[in-house]
Amino acid sequence: MSLRELEKIVANIVLLPAADRSMGLTSAELAPIFKDSALQVQAIQVPGQPTQQIQIMSLREQVLVAIGASSLNFEDKSADTPPKGRLAEIVNAFAGLLATKGLSTFRAYGFNFEIAFDAPGDHPAARLLLDRFVQADKLKERGNIEPVGAGLRLYFNTGDAKCDLRIEPRENKPNSQRLFAKVNYHYELPDGALPSSDLMKSDFKGKWGIFTEQLERLLAS
């Protein structure tokens, strides 16, 4: 089964530095990484956070980088499906620049993917998930609940990655025919070193494939 009308919503790589610190970066230093002489750089105040977030947008690469005090988020903003492996190359080049600023170790990194797609069959997405994964009779017996729909959240490991997978109706609308799925692949870095650009690129592309294939198998009739 293929995922029908697949829509990529989010595809990003997040780095978690070993220590919180401000990073002074200039457009001249950033331009070679993105191969873009017209980078858009702005400071954004994030609600609930005391410090501003620096956002860098490369229109040429279609990549958005959000730099906070405790994380760096690199997002593929293109319409490409699957997402671009080039994102991992940018991440590693950026990390090389940060090393010249004294930030060379990271405590963790991860990949995040969010997609939407049509539910297979004729039932609404929430009903499909209820019928496929929930023991409705047990909910009735133990909690006096008669569910009309459901979502699913799973925690598991894939190799060295800790995974958090959600599948639910799009926009939390029980009658929707669209499904929303989100996964996080989290890697701890005991030695503080990121993997090589080639390895991260291969893994990023591979994890997208694993994510979509798992959804296909879970939802197959």
Protein backbone atom coordinates (compact mmCIF):
# COMPACT_ATOMS: atom_id res chain seq x y z
CA MET A 1 0.00 0.00 0.00
CA SER A 2 1.31 3.45 -0.88
CA LEU A 3 0.34 6.54 1.12
CA ARG A 4 -2.28 8.34 -0.95
CA GLU A 5 -2.00 12.09 -1.57
CA LEU A 6 1.14 12.29 0.57
CA GLU A 7 1.90 15.81 1.86
CA LYS A 8 5.22 16.61 3.53
CA ILE A 9 4.58 19.09 6.36
CA VAL A 10 7.88 19.08 8.29
CA ALA A 11 11.29 17.56 7.63
CA ASN A 12 14.07 18.83 9.86
CA ILE A 13 17.29 18.04 11.69
CA VAL A 14 17.70 19.40 15.22
CA LEU A 15 21.04 19.77 17.03
CA LEU A 16 21.27 20.09 20.81
CA PRO A 17 24.57 21.74 21.85
CA ALA A 18 26.39 20.44 24.90
CA ALA A 19 26.15 23.92 26.48
CA ASP A 20 23.75 26.84 26.05
CA ARG A 21 25.46 29.87 24.59
CA SER A 22 24.94 32.75 22.19
CA MET A 23 26.47 32.47 18.72
CA GLY A 24 27.67 35.51 16.84
CA LEU A 25 27.45 34.69 13.14
CA THR A 26 27.71 37.07 10.20
CA SER A 27 26.08 36.87 6.79
CA ALA A 28 29.53 36.70 5.22
CA GLU A 29 30.33 33.57 7.26
CA LEU A 30 26.98 31.95 6.47
CA ALA A 31 26.80 32.65 2.74
CA PRO A 32 29.33 29.95 1.67
CA ILE A 33 27.39 27.27 3.57
CA PHE A 34 24.15 27.96 1.74
CA LYS A 35 25.68 29.04 -1.60
CA ASP A 36 23.32 31.98 -1.33
CA SER A 37 24.42 35.62 -1.41
CA ALA A 38 20.97 36.89 -0.37
CA LEU A 39 20.31 35.21 2.97
CA GLN A 40 17.44 36.56 5.05
CA VAL A 41 18.51 36.88 8.70
CA GLN A 42 16.19 38.15 11.43
CA ALA A 43 15.70 37.98 15.19
CA ILE A 44 12.36 36.57 16.40
CA GLN A 45 10.97 36.75 19.91
CA VAL A 46 9.56 33.32 20.72
CA PRO A 47 6.59 33.37 23.15
CA GLY A 48 7.52 32.00 26.55
CA GLN A 49 11.28 32.24 25.98
CA PRO A 50 13.48 34.97 27.50
CA THR A 51 15.90 35.23 24.58
CA GLN A 52 15.38 35.91 20.90
CA GLN A 53 15.70 33.24 18.23
CA ILE A 54 17.78 33.97 15.14
CA GLN A 55 16.21 32.74 11.91
CA ILE A 56 18.17 32.32 8.68
CA MET A 57 16.29 31.68 5.45
CA SER A 58 18.02 30.62 2.26
CA LEU A 59 15.65 31.05 -0.66
CA ARG A 60 18.09 29.35 -2.99
CA GLU A 61 18.41 26.24 -0.83
CA GLN A 62 14.84 26.49 0.55
CA VAL A 63 16.19 25.86 4.04
CA LEU A 64 15.24 27.62 7.27
CA VAL A 65 17.62 27.60 10.25
CA ALA A 66 16.30 28.61 13.67
CA ILE A 67 19.01 29.22 16.30
CA GLY A 68 18.02 29.29 19.94
CA ALA A 69 20.10 29.25 23.11
CA SER A 70 19.70 25.47 23.51
CA SER A 71 18.93 24.11 20.03
CA LEU A 72 19.49 24.57 16.31
CA ASN A 73 16.71 23.58 13.93
CA PHE A 74 17.44 23.01 10.22
CA GLU A 75 14.25 22.61 8.18
CA ASP A 76 13.72 21.66 4.54
CA LYS A 77 11.09 24.16 3.35
CA SER A 78 10.94 22.82 -0.19
CA ALA A 79 8.03 20.86 -1.65
CA ASP A 80 10.37 17.95 -2.38
CA THR A 81 9.17 14.50 -1.35
CA PRO A 82 11.23 12.75 -0.09
CA PRO A 83 13.06 15.64 1.64
CA LYS A 84 16.44 16.80 0.40
CA GLY A 85 19.55 15.03 1.65
CA ARG A 86 21.32 18.34 1.10
CA LEU A 87 19.94 19.39 4.49
CA ALA A 88 22.42 17.10 6.27
CA GLU A 89 25.31 18.65 4.33
CA ILE A 90 24.23 22.11 5.48
CA VAL A 91 23.98 20.87 9.08
CA ASN A 92 27.55 19.56 9.04
CA ALA A 93 28.92 22.66 7.34
CA PHE A 94 27.15 24.80 9.94
CA ALA A 95 28.61 22.67 12.73
CA GLY A 96 32.06 23.25 11.25
CA LEU A 97 31.51 26.99 11.42
CA LEU A 98 30.33 26.75 15.02
CA ALA A 99 33.50 24.84 15.92
CA THR A 100 35.52 27.92 14.96
CA LYS A 101 33.39 29.84 17.51
CA GLY A 102 34.18 27.41 20.31
CA LEU A 103 31.05 25.26 20.03
CA SER A 104 32.25 21.84 18.91
CA THR A 105 30.32 19.32 21.02
CA PHE A 106 26.66 18.29 21.02
CA ARG A 107 24.69 16.22 23.48
CA ALA A 108 22.18 14.92 20.95
CA TYR A 109 20.61 15.38 17.54
CA GLY A 110 17.47 14.15 15.83
CA PHE A 111 15.28 13.97 12.75
CA ASN A 112 11.62 15.03 12.70
CA PHE A 113 9.14 14.21 9.97
CA GLU A 114 5.48 15.22 9.78
CA ILE A 115 3.18 14.20 6.95
CA ALA A 116 -0.50 14.00 6.02
CA PHE A 117 -2.16 11.50 3.71
CA ASP A 118 -5.55 10.01 2.89
CA ALA A 119 -6.80 7.21 5.11
CA PRO A 120 -7.16 3.91 3.26
CA GLY A 121 -10.66 2.54 2.82
CA ASP A 122 -13.97 4.25 3.37
CA HIS A 123 -13.89 4.91 7.14
CA PRO A 124 -12.79 8.21 8.69
CA ALA A 125 -9.19 8.26 9.92
CA ALA A 126 -10.13 8.13 13.62
CA ARG A 127 -12.39 5.12 13.07
CA LEU A 128 -9.69 3.31 11.11
CA LEU A 129 -7.21 3.74 13.97
CA LEU A 130 -9.80 2.66 16.52
CA ASP A 131 -10.66 -0.52 14.63
CA ARG A 132 -7.03 -1.33 13.87
CA PHE A 133 -5.29 -0.67 17.19
CA VAL A 134 -7.75 -0.28 20.10
CA GLN A 135 -9.63 -2.89 22.12
CA ALA A 136 -12.88 -0.94 22.36
CA ASP A 137 -14.56 -3.66 24.40
CA LYS A 138 -11.91 -3.32 27.11
CA LEU A 139 -12.43 0.45 27.28
CA LYS A 140 -16.16 -0.15 27.70
CA GLU A 141 -15.58 -2.79 30.35
CA ARG A 142 -12.98 -0.97 32.42
CA GLY A 143 -13.75 2.73 31.89
CA ASN A 144 -17.34 2.83 30.63
CA ILE A 145 -16.02 4.56 27.49
CA GLU A 146 -17.50 3.92 24.05
CA PRO A 147 -14.92 5.48 21.69
CA VAL A 148 -15.92 6.71 18.25
CA GLY A 149 -12.33 7.17 17.14
CA ALA A 150 -8.71 6.98 18.26
CA GLY A 151 -5.13 8.11 17.73
CA LEU A 152 -1.95 6.14 18.26
CA ARG A 153 1.36 6.96 19.96
CA LEU A 154 4.28 4.53 20.10
CA TYR A 155 7.74 4.62 21.69
CA PHE A 156 10.37 2.24 20.35
CA ASN A 157 14.00 1.96 19.25
CA THR A 158 15.39 1.72 15.74
CA GLY A 159 19.10 0.94 15.95
CA ASP A 160 20.69 3.73 18.01
CA ALA A 161 17.67 6.01 17.61
CA LYS A 162 14.93 6.43 20.20
CA CYS A 163 11.67 6.88 18.33
CA ASP A 164 8.40 8.64 19.14
CA LEU A 165 5.66 7.99 16.55
CA ARG A 166 2.18 9.54 16.44
CA ILE A 167 -0.66 8.72 14.06
CA GLU A 168 -3.96 10.57 14.39
CA PRO A 169 -6.71 12.27 12.38
CA ARG A 170 -5.56 15.39 10.56
CA GLU A 171 -6.12 18.52 12.69
CA ASN A 172 -7.66 16.29 15.42
CA LYS A 173 -10.93 16.09 13.48
CA PRO A 174 -12.45 12.65 14.12
CA ASN A 175 -14.47 12.70 10.87
CA SER A 176 -11.49 13.64 8.69
CA GLN A 177 -10.50 11.31 5.87
CA ARG A 178 -6.90 12.53 6.24
CA LEU A 179 -4.32 11.08 8.60
CA PHE A 180 -1.50 12.98 10.27
CA ALA A 181 1.71 11.21 11.26
CA LYS A 182 4.74 12.53 13.10
CA VAL A 183 7.97 10.82 14.10
CA ASN A 184 11.08 11.86 16.01
CA TYR A 185 14.35 9.92 15.75
CA HIS A 186 16.55 10.96 18.70
CA TYR A 187 20.27 10.19 18.94
CA GLU A 188 22.31 10.69 22.10
CA LEU A 189 25.97 11.66 21.59
CA PRO A 190 28.06 10.39 24.53
CA ASP A 191 31.28 11.61 22.88
CA GLY A 192 29.77 14.93 21.74
CA ALA A 193 30.65 14.38 18.07
CA LEU A 194 28.20 14.51 15.17
CA PRO A 195 28.36 11.80 12.49
CA SER A 196 30.02 12.64 9.18
CA SER A 197 28.08 14.52 6.52
CA ASP A 198 27.77 11.42 4.32
CA LEU A 199 26.56 9.24 7.19
CA MET A 200 24.01 11.80 8.41
CA LYS A 201 22.77 12.36 4.87
CA SER A 202 22.31 8.64 4.27
CA ASP A 203 20.60 8.15 7.62
CA PHE A 204 18.28 11.15 7.14
CA LYS A 205 17.10 9.87 3.78
CA GLY A 206 16.89 6.32 5.10
CA LYS A 207 14.80 7.27 8.12
CA TRP A 208 12.25 8.99 5.88
CA GLY A 209 11.93 5.73 3.98
CA ILE A 210 11.60 3.69 7.19
CA PHE A 211 8.94 6.10 8.50
CA THR A 212 6.73 5.96 5.42
CA GLU A 213 7.19 2.21 4.95
CA GLN A 214 6.21 1.54 8.58
CA LEU A 215 3.05 3.58 8.08
CA GLU A 216 2.23 1.64 4.93
CA ARG A 217 2.61 -1.68 6.77
CA LEU A 218 0.71 -0.56 9.89
CA LEU A 219 -2.26 0.70 7.90
CA ALA A 220 -2.37 -1.96 5.19
CA SER A 221 -5.64 -3.88 5.06
